[in-house]
Each structure stands twice: as structure tokens, then as C-alpha cells.
């Protein structure tokens, strides 16, 4: 098993002699990740558990992870955070912010999480149901920047949940009741996968990986088009595929500090194609052979 995990780390670009951070909640998936990392990277693993303060059992579960880490000889930290806003989104934001800070304090360039093939399949189903575009359908990425100097990696994306549960079983992992809460879309996606034999998690995860490759290819093509078609906050859209135009306009808006949502961006592009100027946020876009983008004039006040 450790050779398979070590190969996954190598494929993600993790040097053999570098320490890695591991996010461990105490559930079966993250405990399996901890075991695999400790075996594959002996002496080069640091672990952290985030206590969101949302369940009374959370602190005891974090302490149980600390005990496992002590037996494995893995340094461990408990990170307490405050969750703001919606529970799931707020907890996720607080968790990753705390883990990024911890990685920087520990001089760790890599943070591994335990997302696996079943997670990827569930994510793809949920995003299809929401009408997501290519970037969303690519699912969770195998690696992405987390913060300055820290890369988030997911070395278990080709592992099944059942495999990880078997590995972690001797450690009596904790079970998060939110995983069975019908209020969450992920619970419904998980139930659909379990009750539909022809929906195989491995194949759905493979589809997400193919879509991620297509997304990377389009990103590369957009970079090439940007160099050729964008000049001084103007864009020549002639003959470009709609998806490339969308990405270029989004890139231009980012330079103004704006990040328009998909429907807003679609309406703006449609207006420009129809020859109408439009203001979105702090940016005014004007039609012509080259579309022009500039700071919007101040609004008049009475």
C-alpha cells in the first residue's frame, strides 16, 4: 500500500525528502491518510486536526487523533476555529485558513487531505445537478495552491472509500453525523451512488479527471489567446470560440479587481455582441471591433 501512496505523492510533485502536512479529522478517510503518509514518509509527516466548535464531541475526537499520532511518532496540533456564515461553507473556509496558517508556521509546502474517488463521484453528480460549467465538472483538483507557498494535494483520489475504511478500522475512527444528514446535497448524491449499480464511483471519478485535463487545455488556450488578442484593456473577440471569449473577459475583469458570476458575465458578453455598452460592478465595457474595458464613471448622486 505504501508504494501506491508514495507513487501518488511523486505524481503530485512532492519531493521524497520534504515533509508534508496531513489534515486529520478523526474519520476513517483521514486516519487512513495518516497511516499511509506515516508509512510512506517516515519522520516527514506533521498532522493537524481542526476543531470547528460545532459539535460537543469534536474536542474528544481531536484528542483521539493526537493519541494516534503519538503512537505513530507524528507531531500533531489541534487548531480551534470560529465558523461564520453557513455551516458547511463557513466551516470549510475557516478550516482551510487555519490549516494554511499552520503549514506556514511549520514551514510545510504541502498539505494533504483525504478526498477519495467516492468524494469525487459525489461532487461530479452534485455539480451536474447544478448545471456547472467545465471548471466545476472537473471536480476536486488533485493539487491546487492553498496559500502563498502552500500547495493542497489529494493523493487518494483513485482510492475507494471502502479501502480506506478497512485500513482505518483498527483505530476506531469517529463518525460525523452530518455525513448522513439529508439536508445536505452530498448525502443525496451518496445515496444515489449506493442505490444505482450502473453509477460506478471509479468511472465518475475518471470522467472528472478527463474534464480536469480538458479544463487545463482550455486554460492554456486562453493564455495563448490573451497574449494575442488583449491589449491595453481592449479585446478583439473576432472568430474566437465563446468559451475562450468568456475566459478572456473574466481575466480582464480580474485585473480590475472584479469577479463577475457566470450569468452576469453571459449577459455582459451578449450585450457587447449586440453593440451595447454595459457597466458591471466597477467596470464599463464598450462594444466595437475591439471591446474596451475601463473604470466605470462615478454614479451621480442627488
Protein backbone atom coordinates (compact mmCIF):
# COMPACT_ATOMS: atom_id res chain seq x y z
CA UNK A 1 0.00 0.00 0.00
CA UNK A 2 2.77 2.45 0.86
CA UNK A 3 4.30 2.08 -2.63
CA UNK A 4 0.97 3.06 -4.18
CA UNK A 5 0.68 6.07 -1.91
CA UNK A 6 4.31 7.06 -2.46
CA UNK A 7 3.72 6.90 -6.21
CA UNK A 8 0.73 9.21 -5.83
CA UNK A 9 2.84 11.73 -3.90
CA UNK A 10 5.53 11.59 -6.58
CA UNK A 11 2.93 12.14 -9.32
CA UNK A 12 1.76 15.24 -7.46
CA UNK A 13 5.31 16.60 -7.43
CA UNK A 14 6.12 16.06 -3.75
CA UNK A 15 9.89 15.53 -3.28
CA UNK A 16 10.81 12.40 -1.32
CA UNK A 17 12.82 14.35 1.23
CA UNK A 18 10.20 17.03 2.00
CA UNK A 19 7.88 16.95 4.99
CA UNK A 20 4.15 17.08 4.35
CA UNK A 21 1.22 18.23 6.44
CA UNK A 22 -1.82 15.99 6.79
CA UNK A 23 -5.31 17.18 7.74
CA UNK A 24 -6.84 14.55 10.04
CA UNK A 25 -10.39 14.89 11.30
CA UNK A 26 -10.53 11.53 13.04
CA UNK A 27 -12.85 9.95 10.47
CA UNK A 28 -11.87 6.77 8.61
CA UNK A 29 -10.69 8.51 5.45
CA UNK A 30 -8.30 10.93 7.13
CA UNK A 31 -7.00 8.30 9.58
CA UNK A 32 -6.19 6.06 6.60
CA UNK A 33 -4.39 9.01 5.01
CA UNK A 34 -2.40 9.49 8.22
CA UNK A 35 -1.38 5.81 8.31
CA UNK A 36 -0.36 5.79 4.64
CA UNK A 37 1.59 9.02 4.92
CA UNK A 38 3.42 7.91 8.07
CA UNK A 39 4.45 4.67 6.36
CA UNK A 40 5.44 6.26 3.05
CA UNK A 41 7.17 9.34 4.53
CA UNK A 42 8.60 8.15 7.88
CA UNK A 43 9.70 11.08 10.03
CA UNK A 44 8.46 13.60 7.46
CA UNK A 45 4.78 13.90 8.37
CA UNK A 46 3.04 16.53 10.50
CA UNK A 47 -0.67 16.28 11.32
CA UNK A 48 -3.32 18.81 12.30
CA UNK A 49 -6.94 18.46 13.41
CA UNK A 50 -9.35 21.37 13.14
CA UNK A 51 -11.92 21.76 15.91
CA UNK A 52 -14.76 23.84 14.45
CA UNK A 53 -16.55 24.02 17.78
CA UNK A 54 -19.79 22.82 16.15
CA UNK A 55 -20.21 19.51 18.00
CA UNK A 56 -19.53 18.71 21.66
CA UNK A 57 -17.71 15.52 20.61
CA UNK A 58 -15.23 17.38 18.39
CA UNK A 59 -12.61 18.03 21.05
CA UNK A 60 -12.59 14.42 22.22
CA UNK A 61 -12.20 13.29 18.59
CA UNK A 62 -9.26 15.67 18.15
CA UNK A 63 -7.68 14.31 21.31
CA UNK A 64 -8.13 10.77 19.96
CA UNK A 65 -6.26 11.77 16.78
CA UNK A 66 -3.49 13.23 18.95
CA UNK A 67 -3.18 9.87 20.71
CA UNK A 68 -2.92 8.00 17.40
CA UNK A 69 -0.27 10.44 16.20
CA UNK A 70 1.69 9.96 19.41
CA UNK A 71 1.75 6.19 18.82
CA UNK A 72 2.92 6.76 15.23
CA UNK A 73 5.54 9.33 16.22
CA UNK A 74 3.82 12.04 14.16
CA UNK A 75 3.77 15.60 15.60
CA UNK A 76 0.16 16.77 15.93
CA UNK A 77 -1.64 20.07 16.51
CA UNK A 78 -5.26 20.89 17.31
CA UNK A 79 -6.48 24.07 15.60
CA UNK A 80 -9.57 25.72 17.08
CA UNK A 81 -11.57 27.95 14.75
CA UNK A 82 -14.75 30.04 14.76
CA UNK A 83 -17.26 29.37 11.99
CA UNK A 84 -19.10 32.29 10.41
CA UNK A 85 -21.98 32.23 7.95
CA UNK A 86 -23.47 28.99 6.65
CA UNK A 87 -22.26 25.91 8.48
CA UNK A 88 -20.69 23.98 5.59
CA UNK A 89 -19.20 26.93 3.67
CA UNK A 90 -18.12 28.72 6.83
CA UNK A 91 -16.51 25.61 8.30
CA UNK A 92 -14.65 24.92 5.07
CA UNK A 93 -13.31 28.48 4.83
CA UNK A 94 -12.24 28.53 8.47
CA UNK A 95 -10.65 25.10 8.21
CA UNK A 96 -8.51 25.84 5.18
CA UNK A 97 -7.47 29.23 6.53
CA UNK A 98 -6.32 27.65 9.80
CA UNK A 99 -4.53 24.81 8.02
CA UNK A 100 -2.76 27.25 5.68
CA UNK A 101 -1.55 29.30 8.66
CA UNK A 102 -0.39 26.13 10.41
CA UNK A 103 1.52 24.96 7.32
CA UNK A 104 3.33 28.27 7.05
CA UNK A 105 4.21 28.20 10.75
CA UNK A 106 5.57 24.67 10.33
CA UNK A 107 7.44 25.55 7.11
CA UNK A 108 5.38 22.95 5.22
CA UNK A 109 4.95 23.37 1.48
CA UNK A 110 2.37 20.59 1.13
CA UNK A 111 -0.95 19.85 2.81
CA UNK A 112 -2.65 16.52 2.07
CA UNK A 113 -6.37 15.90 2.53
CA UNK A 114 -8.25 12.60 2.32
CA UNK A 115 -10.62 13.23 -0.61
CA UNK A 116 -11.12 9.94 -2.46
CA UNK A 117 -12.83 8.51 -5.55
CA UNK A 118 -16.26 8.35 -3.90
CA UNK A 119 -15.98 12.02 -2.88
CA UNK A 120 -15.07 12.89 -6.45
CA UNK A 121 -18.05 10.95 -7.85
CA UNK A 122 -20.44 12.66 -5.42
CA UNK A 123 -19.02 16.08 -6.29
CA UNK A 124 -19.48 15.45 -10.01
CA UNK A 125 -23.12 14.40 -9.55
CA UNK A 126 -23.89 17.46 -7.42
CA UNK A 127 -22.31 19.84 -9.91
CA UNK A 128 -24.09 18.25 -12.86
CA UNK A 129 -27.37 18.79 -10.98
CA UNK A 130 -26.45 22.47 -10.52
CA UNK A 131 -25.63 22.98 -14.19
CA UNK A 132 -21.95 23.65 -13.54
CA UNK A 133 -19.55 24.53 -16.33
CA UNK A 134 -16.39 22.69 -17.26
CA UNK A 135 -14.35 24.02 -14.36
CA UNK A 136 -16.94 22.82 -11.86
CA UNK A 137 -17.40 19.45 -13.54
CA UNK A 138 -13.66 18.82 -13.26
CA UNK A 139 -14.41 18.14 -9.58
CA UNK A 140 -11.90 18.50 -6.77
CA UNK A 141 -8.39 19.00 -8.10
CA UNK A 142 -5.55 16.64 -7.29
CA UNK A 143 -3.48 19.70 -6.42
CA UNK A 144 -4.05 23.44 -6.18
CA UNK A 145 -2.49 26.42 -4.44
CA UNK A 146 -3.83 26.81 -0.91
CA UNK A 147 -1.94 29.95 0.09
CA UNK A 148 1.40 31.60 -0.57
CA UNK A 149 3.98 28.80 -0.57
CA UNK A 150 1.50 26.04 0.36
CA UNK A 151 0.04 23.53 -2.12
CA UNK A 152 -3.04 21.47 -1.31
CA UNK A 153 -2.74 17.87 -2.53
CA UNK A 154 -5.21 14.97 -2.67
CA UNK A 155 -3.22 11.76 -3.10
CA UNK A 156 -6.21 9.45 -2.52
CA UNK A 157 -8.41 10.41 -5.47
CA UNK A 158 -8.03 6.94 -7.03
CA UNK A 159 -8.76 5.12 -3.75
CA UNK A 160 -12.23 3.88 -2.84
CA UNK A 161 -13.78 4.77 0.49
CA UNK A 162 -14.17 1.08 1.38
CA UNK A 163 -10.40 0.57 1.05
CA UNK A 164 -9.72 3.45 3.41
CA UNK A 165 -12.30 2.26 5.92
CA UNK A 166 -10.61 -1.13 6.02
CA UNK A 167 -7.23 0.47 6.68
CA UNK A 168 -8.55 2.69 9.44
CA UNK A 169 -10.85 0.16 11.14
CA UNK A 170 -8.32 -0.88 13.86
CA UNK A 171 -8.17 2.75 15.02
CA UNK A 172 -11.92 3.01 15.80
CA UNK A 173 -12.48 6.12 13.68
CA UNK A 174 -15.05 8.75 14.60
CA UNK A 175 -18.24 9.09 12.56
CA UNK A 176 -19.53 12.56 11.70
CA UNK A 177 -23.36 12.58 11.88
CA UNK A 178 -23.52 15.34 9.25
CA UNK A 179 -22.48 12.74 6.65
CA UNK A 180 -25.94 11.19 6.99
CA UNK A 181 -27.88 14.46 7.26
CA UNK A 182 -30.49 14.57 4.43
CA UNK A 183 -30.33 18.38 4.48
CA UNK A 184 -27.08 18.23 2.50
CA UNK A 185 -26.87 17.55 -1.24
CA UNK A 186 -23.84 15.32 -0.74
CA UNK A 187 -25.91 12.92 1.35
CA UNK A 188 -28.40 12.57 -1.52
CA UNK A 189 -25.59 12.05 -4.04
CA UNK A 190 -24.05 9.39 -1.79
CA UNK A 191 -27.41 7.61 -1.50
CA UNK A 192 -27.88 7.75 -5.28
CA UNK A 193 -24.49 6.15 -5.87
CA UNK A 194 -25.21 3.42 -3.31
CA UNK A 195 -28.60 2.58 -4.83
CA UNK A 196 -27.67 2.75 -8.53
CA UNK A 197 -25.32 -0.08 -9.59
CA UNK A 198 -24.53 1.37 -13.01
CA UNK A 199 -23.25 4.60 -11.43
CA UNK A 200 -19.75 3.46 -10.59
CA UNK A 201 -17.64 5.80 -8.50
CA UNK A 202 -14.40 4.90 -10.29
CA UNK A 203 -15.85 5.76 -13.70
CA UNK A 204 -17.36 9.01 -12.49
CA UNK A 205 -14.06 9.95 -10.87
CA UNK A 206 -12.28 9.09 -14.13
CA UNK A 207 -14.68 11.37 -16.02
CA UNK A 208 -13.89 14.19 -13.60
CA UNK A 209 -10.17 13.61 -14.25
CA UNK A 210 -10.73 13.79 -18.03
CA UNK A 211 -12.71 17.00 -17.58
CA UNK A 212 -9.88 18.42 -15.46
CA UNK A 213 -7.48 17.74 -18.34
CA UNK A 214 -9.85 19.49 -20.76
CA UNK A 215 -10.10 22.43 -18.36
CA UNK A 216 -6.31 22.66 -18.23
CA UNK A 217 -6.15 22.60 -22.03
CA UNK A 218 -8.68 25.43 -22.30
CA UNK A 219 -6.78 27.41 -19.69
CA UNK A 220 -3.64 27.04 -21.81
CA UNK A 221 -5.52 28.07 -24.97
CA UNK A 222 -6.96 31.11 -23.19
CA UNK A 223 -3.48 32.16 -22.11
CA UNK A 224 -2.34 31.99 -25.73
CA UNK A 225 -5.35 33.96 -26.90
CA UNK A 226 -4.83 36.56 -24.19
CA UNK A 227 -1.31 37.25 -25.44
CA UNK A 228 -2.60 37.67 -29.00
CA UNK A 229 -5.98 39.37 -28.54
CA UNK A 230 -5.82 41.54 -25.41
CA UNK A 231 -4.03 44.88 -25.43
CA UNK A 232 -4.38 47.86 -23.08
CA UNK A 233 -7.69 46.62 -21.62
CA UNK A 234 -9.17 46.00 -25.05
CA UNK A 235 -10.16 42.66 -26.59
CA UNK A 236 -10.50 41.59 -30.21
CA UNK A 237 -13.14 38.81 -29.98
CA UNK A 238 -13.43 38.12 -33.73
CA UNK A 239 -13.61 34.43 -34.52
CA UNK A 240 -12.86 33.22 -31.01
CA UNK A 241 -14.89 30.34 -29.54
CA UNK A 242 -17.43 31.55 -26.95
CA UNK A 243 -15.68 29.78 -24.07
CA UNK A 244 -12.36 31.48 -24.87
CA UNK A 245 -14.11 34.87 -25.08
CA UNK A 246 -15.71 34.22 -21.70
CA UNK A 247 -12.37 33.39 -20.12
CA UNK A 248 -10.64 36.42 -21.61
CA UNK A 249 -13.35 38.80 -20.40
CA UNK A 250 -13.19 37.22 -16.96
CA UNK A 251 -9.42 37.66 -16.94
CA UNK A 252 -9.77 41.34 -17.86
CA UNK A 253 -12.31 41.88 -15.09
CA UNK A 254 -9.93 40.25 -12.62
CA UNK A 255 -7.36 42.94 -13.47
CA UNK A 256 -9.94 45.49 -12.24
CA UNK A 257 -10.47 43.52 -9.04
CA UNK A 258 -13.84 42.17 -10.16
CA UNK A 259 -15.07 38.57 -10.37
CA UNK A 260 -18.47 38.56 -12.09
CA UNK A 261 -20.64 35.49 -11.71
CA UNK A 262 -21.49 33.31 -14.70
CA UNK A 263 -24.96 34.72 -15.54
CA UNK A 264 -23.73 38.31 -15.16
CA UNK A 265 -20.79 37.63 -17.43
CA UNK A 266 -23.02 35.97 -20.03
CA UNK A 267 -25.35 38.98 -20.10
CA UNK A 268 -22.42 41.38 -20.47
CA UNK A 269 -20.94 39.44 -23.39
CA UNK A 270 -24.36 39.22 -25.07
CA UNK A 271 -24.77 42.99 -24.76
CA UNK A 272 -21.37 43.66 -26.31
CA UNK A 273 -22.14 41.30 -29.17
CA UNK A 274 -25.35 43.26 -29.77
CA UNK A 275 -23.42 46.53 -29.84
CA UNK A 276 -24.50 47.81 -26.42
CA UNK A 277 -22.25 49.25 -23.74
CA UNK A 278 -22.76 47.86 -20.27
CA UNK A 279 -21.45 48.51 -16.77
CA UNK A 280 -20.84 45.65 -14.39
CA UNK A 281 -19.53 46.41 -10.94
CA UNK A 282 -16.79 49.00 -11.30
CA UNK A 283 -16.11 48.26 -14.97
CA UNK A 284 -17.68 49.75 -18.10
CA UNK A 285 -17.44 47.60 -21.24
CA UNK A 286 -17.95 49.20 -24.66
CA UNK A 287 -18.52 47.42 -27.99
CA UNK A 288 -16.66 47.86 -31.26
CA UNK A 289 -14.16 45.95 -33.36
CA UNK A 290 -12.20 45.78 -30.14
CA UNK A 291 -14.17 45.67 -26.92
CA UNK A 292 -12.93 48.29 -24.46
CA UNK A 293 -12.92 47.94 -20.69
CA UNK A 294 -12.42 50.90 -18.38
CA UNK A 295 -13.30 52.05 -14.86
CA UNK A 296 -16.95 52.98 -14.73
CA UNK A 297 -17.61 56.71 -14.18
CA UNK A 298 -18.83 57.67 -10.72
CA UNK A 299 -22.57 57.45 -10.29
CA UNK A 300 -24.39 60.72 -9.99
CA UNK A 301 -25.94 61.44 -6.62
CA UNK A 302 -28.90 63.68 -5.99
